[in-house]
Amino acid sequence: MLVLSRKPGEKVVITGGITISVLEVVGCRVKLGIEAPDQVRVLRAEMARWLEPYEAPRAAAPQQDSP
């Protein structure tokens, strides 16, 4: 895990066109802005865990060729 310190207005750039911006820090809360290509899904961790049971069967299903 990479751990960084950033101030409001500063950014972190990740390959694949993903940019994370620190928008605001108030007390113990940090507001982040995330820019990513349309095909990249960005979810809060609790949403990703909630969707996991629904995503697994679709990922495991064999792909069908279109006629």
C-alpha atoms as a PDB file:
ATOM      1  CA  MET A   1       0.000   0.000   0.000  1.00  0.00           C
ATOM      2  CA  LEU A   2       1.288   3.417  -0.933  1.00  0.00           C
ATOM      3  CA  VAL A   3       0.526   6.067   1.700  1.00  0.00           C
ATOM      4  CA  LEU A   4       0.669   9.722   0.662  1.00  0.00           C
ATOM      5  CA  SER A   5       0.032  13.036   2.338  1.00  0.00           C
ATOM      6  CA  ARG A   6      -1.776  15.592   0.161  1.00  0.00           C
ATOM      7  CA  LYS A   7      -3.174  19.033   0.829  1.00  0.00           C
ATOM      8  CA  PRO A   8      -6.421  20.428  -0.570  1.00  0.00           C
ATOM      9  CA  GLY A   9      -5.950  21.202  -4.250  1.00  0.00           C
ATOM     10  CA  GLU A  10      -3.234  18.590  -4.713  1.00  0.00           C
ATOM     11  CA  LYS A  11      -3.697  15.505  -6.884  1.00  0.00           C
ATOM     12  CA  VAL A  12      -2.552  11.929  -7.310  1.00  0.00           C
ATOM     13  CA  VAL A  13      -2.324  10.597 -10.875  1.00  0.00           C
ATOM     14  CA  ILE A  14      -2.687   6.866 -11.583  1.00  0.00           C
ATOM     15  CA  THR A  15      -2.044   5.260 -14.956  1.00  0.00           C
ATOM     16  CA  GLY A  16      -5.095   4.612 -17.072  1.00  0.00           C
ATOM     17  CA  GLY A  17      -6.326   8.201 -16.943  1.00  0.00           C
ATOM     18  CA  ILE A  18      -7.309   8.164 -13.253  1.00  0.00           C
ATOM     19  CA  THR A  19      -6.782  11.306 -11.165  1.00  0.00           C
ATOM     20  CA  ILE A  20      -7.674  11.707  -7.486  1.00  0.00           C
ATOM     21  CA  SER A  21      -7.962  15.268  -6.176  1.00  0.00           C
ATOM     22  CA  VAL A  22      -8.180  16.355  -2.545  1.00  0.00           C
ATOM     23  CA  LEU A  23     -11.049  18.834  -2.606  1.00  0.00           C
ATOM     24  CA  GLU A  24     -11.522  19.615   1.075  1.00  0.00           C
ATOM     25  CA  VAL A  25     -10.383  18.546   4.535  1.00  0.00           C
ATOM     26  CA  VAL A  26     -12.639  19.383   7.474  1.00  0.00           C
ATOM     27  CA  GLY A  27     -11.746  17.809  10.807  1.00  0.00           C
ATOM     28  CA  CYS A  28     -11.515  14.043  10.239  1.00  0.00           C
ATOM     29  CA  ARG A  29     -13.310  14.131   6.883  1.00  0.00           C
ATOM     30  CA  VAL A  30     -11.631  14.296   3.502  1.00  0.00           C
ATOM     31  CA  LYS A  31     -13.580  15.084   0.336  1.00  0.00           C
ATOM     32  CA  LEU A  32     -12.023  13.478  -2.760  1.00  0.00           C
ATOM     33  CA  GLY A  33     -12.741  14.012  -6.431  1.00  0.00           C
ATOM     34  CA  ILE A  34     -12.048  11.073  -8.740  1.00  0.00           C
ATOM     35  CA  GLU A  35     -11.707  11.447 -12.498  1.00  0.00           C
ATOM     36  CA  ALA A  36     -11.631   8.189 -14.484  1.00  0.00           C
ATOM     37  CA  PRO A  37     -12.525   6.981 -17.979  1.00  0.00           C
ATOM     38  CA  ASP A  38     -16.162   5.942 -18.462  1.00  0.00           C
ATOM     39  CA  GLN A  39     -15.251   2.242 -18.631  1.00  0.00           C
ATOM     40  CA  VAL A  40     -13.618   2.334 -15.158  1.00  0.00           C
ATOM     41  CA  ARG A  41     -16.042   1.614 -12.329  1.00  0.00           C
ATOM     42  CA  VAL A  42     -15.377   3.666  -9.187  1.00  0.00           C
ATOM     43  CA  LEU A  43     -17.206   2.518  -6.041  1.00  0.00           C
ATOM     44  CA  ARG A  44     -16.999   3.101  -2.316  1.00  0.00           C
ATOM     45  CA  ALA A  45     -15.634  -0.048  -0.608  1.00  0.00           C
ATOM     46  CA  GLU A  46     -18.951  -0.849   1.079  1.00  0.00           C
ATOM     47  CA  MET A  47     -20.738  -0.763  -2.286  1.00  0.00           C
ATOM     48  CA  ALA A  48     -18.116  -3.018  -3.896  1.00  0.00           C
ATOM     49  CA  ARG A  49     -18.570  -5.596  -1.099  1.00  0.00           C
ATOM     50  CA  TRP A  50     -22.363  -5.376  -1.452  1.00  0.00           C
ATOM     51  CA  LEU A  51     -22.186  -5.950  -5.226  1.00  0.00           C
ATOM     52  CA  GLU A  52     -19.633  -8.805  -5.016  1.00  0.00           C
ATOM     53  CA  PRO A  53     -22.193 -11.660  -4.770  1.00  0.00           C
ATOM     54  CA  TYR A  54     -24.025 -10.305  -7.839  1.00  0.00           C
ATOM     55  CA  GLU A  55     -20.895  -9.703  -9.920  1.00  0.00           C
ATOM     56  CA  ALA A  56     -19.233 -13.114  -9.359  1.00  0.00           C
ATOM     57  CA  PRO A  57     -21.798 -15.258 -11.261  1.00  0.00           C
ATOM     58  CA  ARG A  58     -21.689 -12.895 -14.243  1.00  0.00           C
ATOM     59  CA  ALA A  59     -17.876 -12.966 -14.329  1.00  0.00           C
ATOM     60  CA  ALA A  60     -17.827 -16.781 -14.118  1.00  0.00           C
ATOM     61  CA  ALA A  61     -20.422 -17.258 -16.907  1.00  0.00           C
ATOM     62  CA  PRO A  62     -18.958 -18.313 -20.262  1.00  0.00           C
ATOM     63  CA  GLN A  63     -18.893 -15.613 -22.913  1.00  0.00           C
ATOM     64  CA  GLN A  64     -21.167 -16.208 -25.894  1.00  0.00           C
ATOM     65  CA  ASP A  65     -20.144 -15.125 -29.373  1.00  0.00           C
ATOM     66  CA  SER A  66     -22.541 -12.809 -31.157  1.00  0.00           C
ATOM     67  CA  PRO A  67     -23.828 -14.081 -34.529  1.00  0.00           C
END
